[in-house]
Amino acid sequence: MAAAFPRLWVHKDAVLKCTGDGLMVSPRTFSIAFDRNPPSLIGWIGKLAPIGLATLDVGKRYAAAVAVGGTRAFKLEMR
């Protein structure tokens, strides 16, 4: 599994890209709970909600995530 900081960063980055906010909104304004599968957003008060998260399996040396607005649950199919 990827180290903690890169894993956290890619999830927060996915959320901010999903909303279109980019770094205009500080990643410190919300948290990601990794104790759930899939990870969940905590403390999000942004303009787009709900936001679903998924962790992508890209190998041990990398971290990747995707965020989808308008739903908490979605099915991600890797081909």
N, C-alpha and C. Protein backbone atom coordinates (compact mmCIF):
# COMPACT_ATOMS: atom_id res chain seq x y z
N MET A 1 0.85 -1.19 0.00
CA MET A 1 0.00 0.00 0.00
C MET A 1 0.88 1.24 0.00
N ALA A 2 0.40 2.28 -0.66
CA ALA A 2 1.15 3.52 -0.77
C ALA A 2 1.31 4.15 0.62
N ALA A 3 2.37 4.96 0.75
CA ALA A 3 2.62 5.67 2.00
C ALA A 3 1.42 6.58 2.31
N ALA A 4 1.27 6.93 3.58
CA ALA A 4 0.09 7.67 4.04
C ALA A 4 -0.10 9.02 3.36
N PHE A 5 0.95 9.83 3.26
CA PHE A 5 0.77 11.17 2.69
C PHE A 5 0.37 11.12 1.22
N PRO A 6 1.05 10.39 0.35
CA PRO A 6 0.61 10.35 -1.05
C PRO A 6 -0.82 9.81 -1.19
N ARG A 7 -1.17 8.83 -0.39
CA ARG A 7 -2.52 8.27 -0.43
C ARG A 7 -3.56 9.33 -0.07
N LEU A 8 -3.30 10.07 1.00
CA LEU A 8 -4.20 11.14 1.41
C LEU A 8 -4.26 12.23 0.34
N TRP A 9 -3.10 12.62 -0.17
CA TRP A 9 -3.04 13.70 -1.15
C TRP A 9 -3.85 13.37 -2.41
N VAL A 10 -3.70 12.17 -2.96
CA VAL A 10 -4.41 11.87 -4.21
C VAL A 10 -5.92 11.85 -4.01
N HIS A 11 -6.38 11.46 -2.84
CA HIS A 11 -7.82 11.48 -2.56
C HIS A 11 -8.33 12.92 -2.44
N LYS A 12 -7.59 13.76 -1.72
CA LYS A 12 -8.00 15.15 -1.59
C LYS A 12 -7.92 15.86 -2.94
N ASP A 13 -6.90 15.59 -3.71
CA ASP A 13 -6.74 16.18 -5.03
C ASP A 13 -7.89 15.75 -5.95
N ALA A 14 -8.30 14.50 -5.86
CA ALA A 14 -9.42 14.01 -6.67
C ALA A 14 -10.70 14.77 -6.33
N VAL A 15 -10.93 15.03 -5.05
CA VAL A 15 -12.12 15.77 -4.63
C VAL A 15 -12.09 17.18 -5.20
N LEU A 16 -10.96 17.85 -5.06
CA LEU A 16 -10.87 19.24 -5.51
C LEU A 16 -10.93 19.36 -7.03
N LYS A 17 -10.45 18.37 -7.73
CA LYS A 17 -10.58 18.37 -9.20
C LYS A 17 -12.01 18.06 -9.61
N CYS A 18 -12.66 17.18 -8.88
CA CYS A 18 -14.06 16.84 -9.16
C CYS A 18 -14.96 18.06 -9.04
N THR A 19 -14.72 18.89 -8.05
CA THR A 19 -15.55 20.06 -7.83
C THR A 19 -15.18 21.22 -8.73
N GLY A 20 -14.00 21.15 -9.33
CA GLY A 20 -13.52 22.26 -10.16
C GLY A 20 -12.85 23.35 -9.35
N ASP A 21 -12.72 23.15 -8.04
CA ASP A 21 -12.12 24.15 -7.17
C ASP A 21 -10.60 24.19 -7.27
N GLY A 22 -10.00 23.05 -7.56
CA GLY A 22 -8.54 23.00 -7.54
C GLY A 22 -8.01 23.45 -6.20
N LEU A 23 -6.90 24.14 -6.21
CA LEU A 23 -6.31 24.58 -4.95
C LEU A 23 -6.84 25.95 -4.49
N MET A 24 -7.95 26.39 -5.10
CA MET A 24 -8.62 27.60 -4.60
C MET A 24 -9.28 27.30 -3.25
N VAL A 25 -9.54 26.03 -2.98
CA VAL A 25 -10.04 25.57 -1.69
C VAL A 25 -8.91 24.79 -1.04
N SER A 26 -8.61 25.10 0.19
CA SER A 26 -7.53 24.41 0.89
C SER A 26 -7.89 22.95 1.17
N PRO A 27 -6.96 22.02 0.88
CA PRO A 27 -7.20 20.62 1.20
C PRO A 27 -7.33 20.39 2.71
N ARG A 28 -6.94 21.37 3.50
CA ARG A 28 -7.04 21.24 4.97
C ARG A 28 -8.46 21.45 5.47
N THR A 29 -9.37 21.87 4.60
CA THR A 29 -10.73 22.18 5.04
C THR A 29 -11.62 20.94 5.16
N PHE A 30 -11.12 19.78 4.75
CA PHE A 30 -11.88 18.54 4.87
C PHE A 30 -10.94 17.37 5.11
N SER A 31 -11.51 16.26 5.52
CA SER A 31 -10.72 15.05 5.82
C SER A 31 -11.24 13.88 5.00
N ILE A 32 -10.41 12.86 4.93
CA ILE A 32 -10.77 11.61 4.27
C ILE A 32 -10.69 10.50 5.31
N ALA A 33 -11.75 9.73 5.46
CA ALA A 33 -11.75 8.59 6.38
C ALA A 33 -11.38 7.33 5.60
N PHE A 34 -10.25 6.75 5.95
CA PHE A 34 -9.80 5.53 5.28
C PHE A 34 -10.22 4.27 6.03
N ASP A 35 -10.92 4.43 7.16
CA ASP A 35 -11.35 3.26 7.92
C ASP A 35 -12.60 2.64 7.31
N ARG A 36 -13.09 3.22 6.23
CA ARG A 36 -14.27 2.71 5.52
C ARG A 36 -13.84 2.30 4.11
N ASN A 37 -14.60 1.39 3.54
CA ASN A 37 -14.32 0.98 2.17
C ASN A 37 -15.59 1.16 1.36
N PRO A 38 -15.67 2.10 0.46
CA PRO A 38 -14.61 3.00 0.02
C PRO A 38 -14.37 4.13 1.02
N PRO A 39 -13.23 4.83 0.87
CA PRO A 39 -12.96 5.96 1.76
C PRO A 39 -14.10 6.98 1.66
N SER A 40 -14.27 7.76 2.71
CA SER A 40 -15.36 8.73 2.69
C SER A 40 -14.86 10.12 3.07
N LEU A 41 -15.61 11.09 2.64
CA LEU A 41 -15.31 12.50 2.86
C LEU A 41 -15.90 12.93 4.19
N ILE A 42 -15.12 13.66 4.99
CA ILE A 42 -15.58 14.15 6.29
C ILE A 42 -15.39 15.66 6.33
N GLY A 43 -16.42 16.36 6.70
CA GLY A 43 -16.33 17.80 6.89
C GLY A 43 -16.41 18.60 5.60
N TRP A 44 -16.86 17.99 4.52
CA TRP A 44 -16.95 18.71 3.25
C TRP A 44 -18.15 19.65 3.26
N ILE A 45 -17.90 20.92 3.00
CA ILE A 45 -18.99 21.91 2.93
C ILE A 45 -18.97 22.63 1.59
N GLY A 46 -18.33 22.03 0.61
CA GLY A 46 -18.20 22.65 -0.70
C GLY A 46 -19.49 22.66 -1.49
N LYS A 47 -19.39 23.22 -2.69
CA LYS A 47 -20.57 23.44 -3.52
C LYS A 47 -21.13 22.18 -4.14
N LEU A 48 -20.36 21.12 -4.25
CA LEU A 48 -20.82 19.89 -4.87
C LEU A 48 -20.89 18.79 -3.81
N ALA A 49 -22.07 18.22 -3.61
CA ALA A 49 -22.21 17.14 -2.64
C ALA A 49 -23.38 16.28 -3.07
N PRO A 50 -23.42 15.03 -2.75
CA PRO A 50 -22.32 14.29 -2.14
C PRO A 50 -21.21 14.00 -3.15
N ILE A 51 -20.11 13.52 -2.63
CA ILE A 51 -18.97 13.14 -3.47
C ILE A 51 -18.53 11.75 -3.06
N GLY A 52 -18.50 10.84 -4.01
CA GLY A 52 -18.05 9.48 -3.76
C GLY A 52 -16.57 9.35 -4.09
N LEU A 53 -15.87 8.51 -3.37
CA LEU A 53 -14.44 8.28 -3.58
C LEU A 53 -14.15 6.81 -3.84
N ALA A 54 -13.11 6.57 -4.62
CA ALA A 54 -12.62 5.21 -4.83
C ALA A 54 -11.10 5.26 -4.91
N THR A 55 -10.47 4.26 -4.32
CA THR A 55 -9.02 4.11 -4.40
C THR A 55 -8.72 3.18 -5.57
N LEU A 56 -7.80 3.59 -6.42
CA LEU A 56 -7.42 2.77 -7.56
C LEU A 56 -6.20 1.93 -7.21
N ASP A 57 -6.20 0.69 -7.65
CA ASP A 57 -5.06 -0.19 -7.43
C ASP A 57 -4.07 0.00 -8.58
N VAL A 58 -3.01 0.74 -8.30
CA VAL A 58 -2.00 1.03 -9.32
C VAL A 58 -0.62 0.52 -8.91
N GLY A 59 -0.60 -0.43 -8.00
CA GLY A 59 0.67 -1.01 -7.56
C GLY A 59 1.16 -0.39 -6.26
N LYS A 60 2.13 -1.03 -5.68
CA LYS A 60 2.63 -0.63 -4.36
C LYS A 60 3.38 0.69 -4.35
N ARG A 61 3.97 1.07 -5.46
CA ARG A 61 4.80 2.28 -5.49
C ARG A 61 4.02 3.54 -5.84
N TYR A 62 2.74 3.42 -6.13
CA TYR A 62 1.95 4.55 -6.59
C TYR A 62 0.65 4.67 -5.81
N ALA A 63 0.04 5.84 -5.89
CA ALA A 63 -1.26 6.07 -5.26
C ALA A 63 -2.16 6.77 -6.26
N ALA A 64 -3.42 6.38 -6.32
CA ALA A 64 -4.37 7.01 -7.23
C ALA A 64 -5.78 6.89 -6.68
N ALA A 65 -6.60 7.89 -6.99
CA ALA A 65 -7.98 7.90 -6.52
C ALA A 65 -8.85 8.61 -7.55
N VAL A 66 -10.14 8.35 -7.47
CA VAL A 66 -11.11 9.04 -8.31
C VAL A 66 -12.26 9.52 -7.42
N ALA A 67 -12.78 10.70 -7.75
CA ALA A 67 -13.93 11.25 -7.04
C ALA A 67 -15.04 11.50 -8.05
N VAL A 68 -16.27 11.18 -7.64
CA VAL A 68 -17.44 11.36 -8.51
C VAL A 68 -18.47 12.19 -7.75
N GLY A 69 -18.87 13.29 -8.34
CA GLY A 69 -19.85 14.17 -7.70
C GLY A 69 -21.27 13.71 -7.93
N GLY A 70 -22.12 13.99 -6.94
CA GLY A 70 -23.54 13.68 -7.06
C GLY A 70 -23.95 12.33 -6.52
N THR A 71 -23.00 11.56 -6.03
CA THR A 71 -23.31 10.23 -5.49
C THR A 71 -22.25 9.84 -4.47
N ARG A 72 -22.64 9.03 -3.51
CA ARG A 72 -21.66 8.48 -2.57
C ARG A 72 -21.18 7.11 -3.01
N ALA A 73 -22.02 6.44 -3.79
CA ALA A 73 -21.70 5.07 -4.22
C ALA A 73 -21.70 4.99 -5.74
N PHE A 74 -20.68 4.39 -6.28
CA PHE A 74 -20.60 4.16 -7.71
C PHE A 74 -19.74 2.93 -7.96
N LYS A 75 -19.91 2.35 -9.10
CA LYS A 75 -19.15 1.16 -9.45
C LYS A 75 -18.06 1.55 -10.44
N LEU A 76 -16.85 1.23 -10.10
CA LEU A 76 -15.70 1.55 -10.93
C LEU A 76 -15.21 0.28 -11.58
N GLU A 77 -15.21 0.26 -12.90
CA GLU A 77 -14.76 -0.92 -13.63
C GLU A 77 -13.47 -0.60 -14.35
N MET A 78 -12.44 -1.36 -14.01
CA MET A 78 -11.13 -1.18 -14.65
C MET A 78 -11.03 -2.20 -15.79
N ARG A 79 -10.67 -1.73 -16.96
CA ARG A 79 -10.53 -2.63 -18.10
C ARG A 79 -9.12 -2.60 -18.61
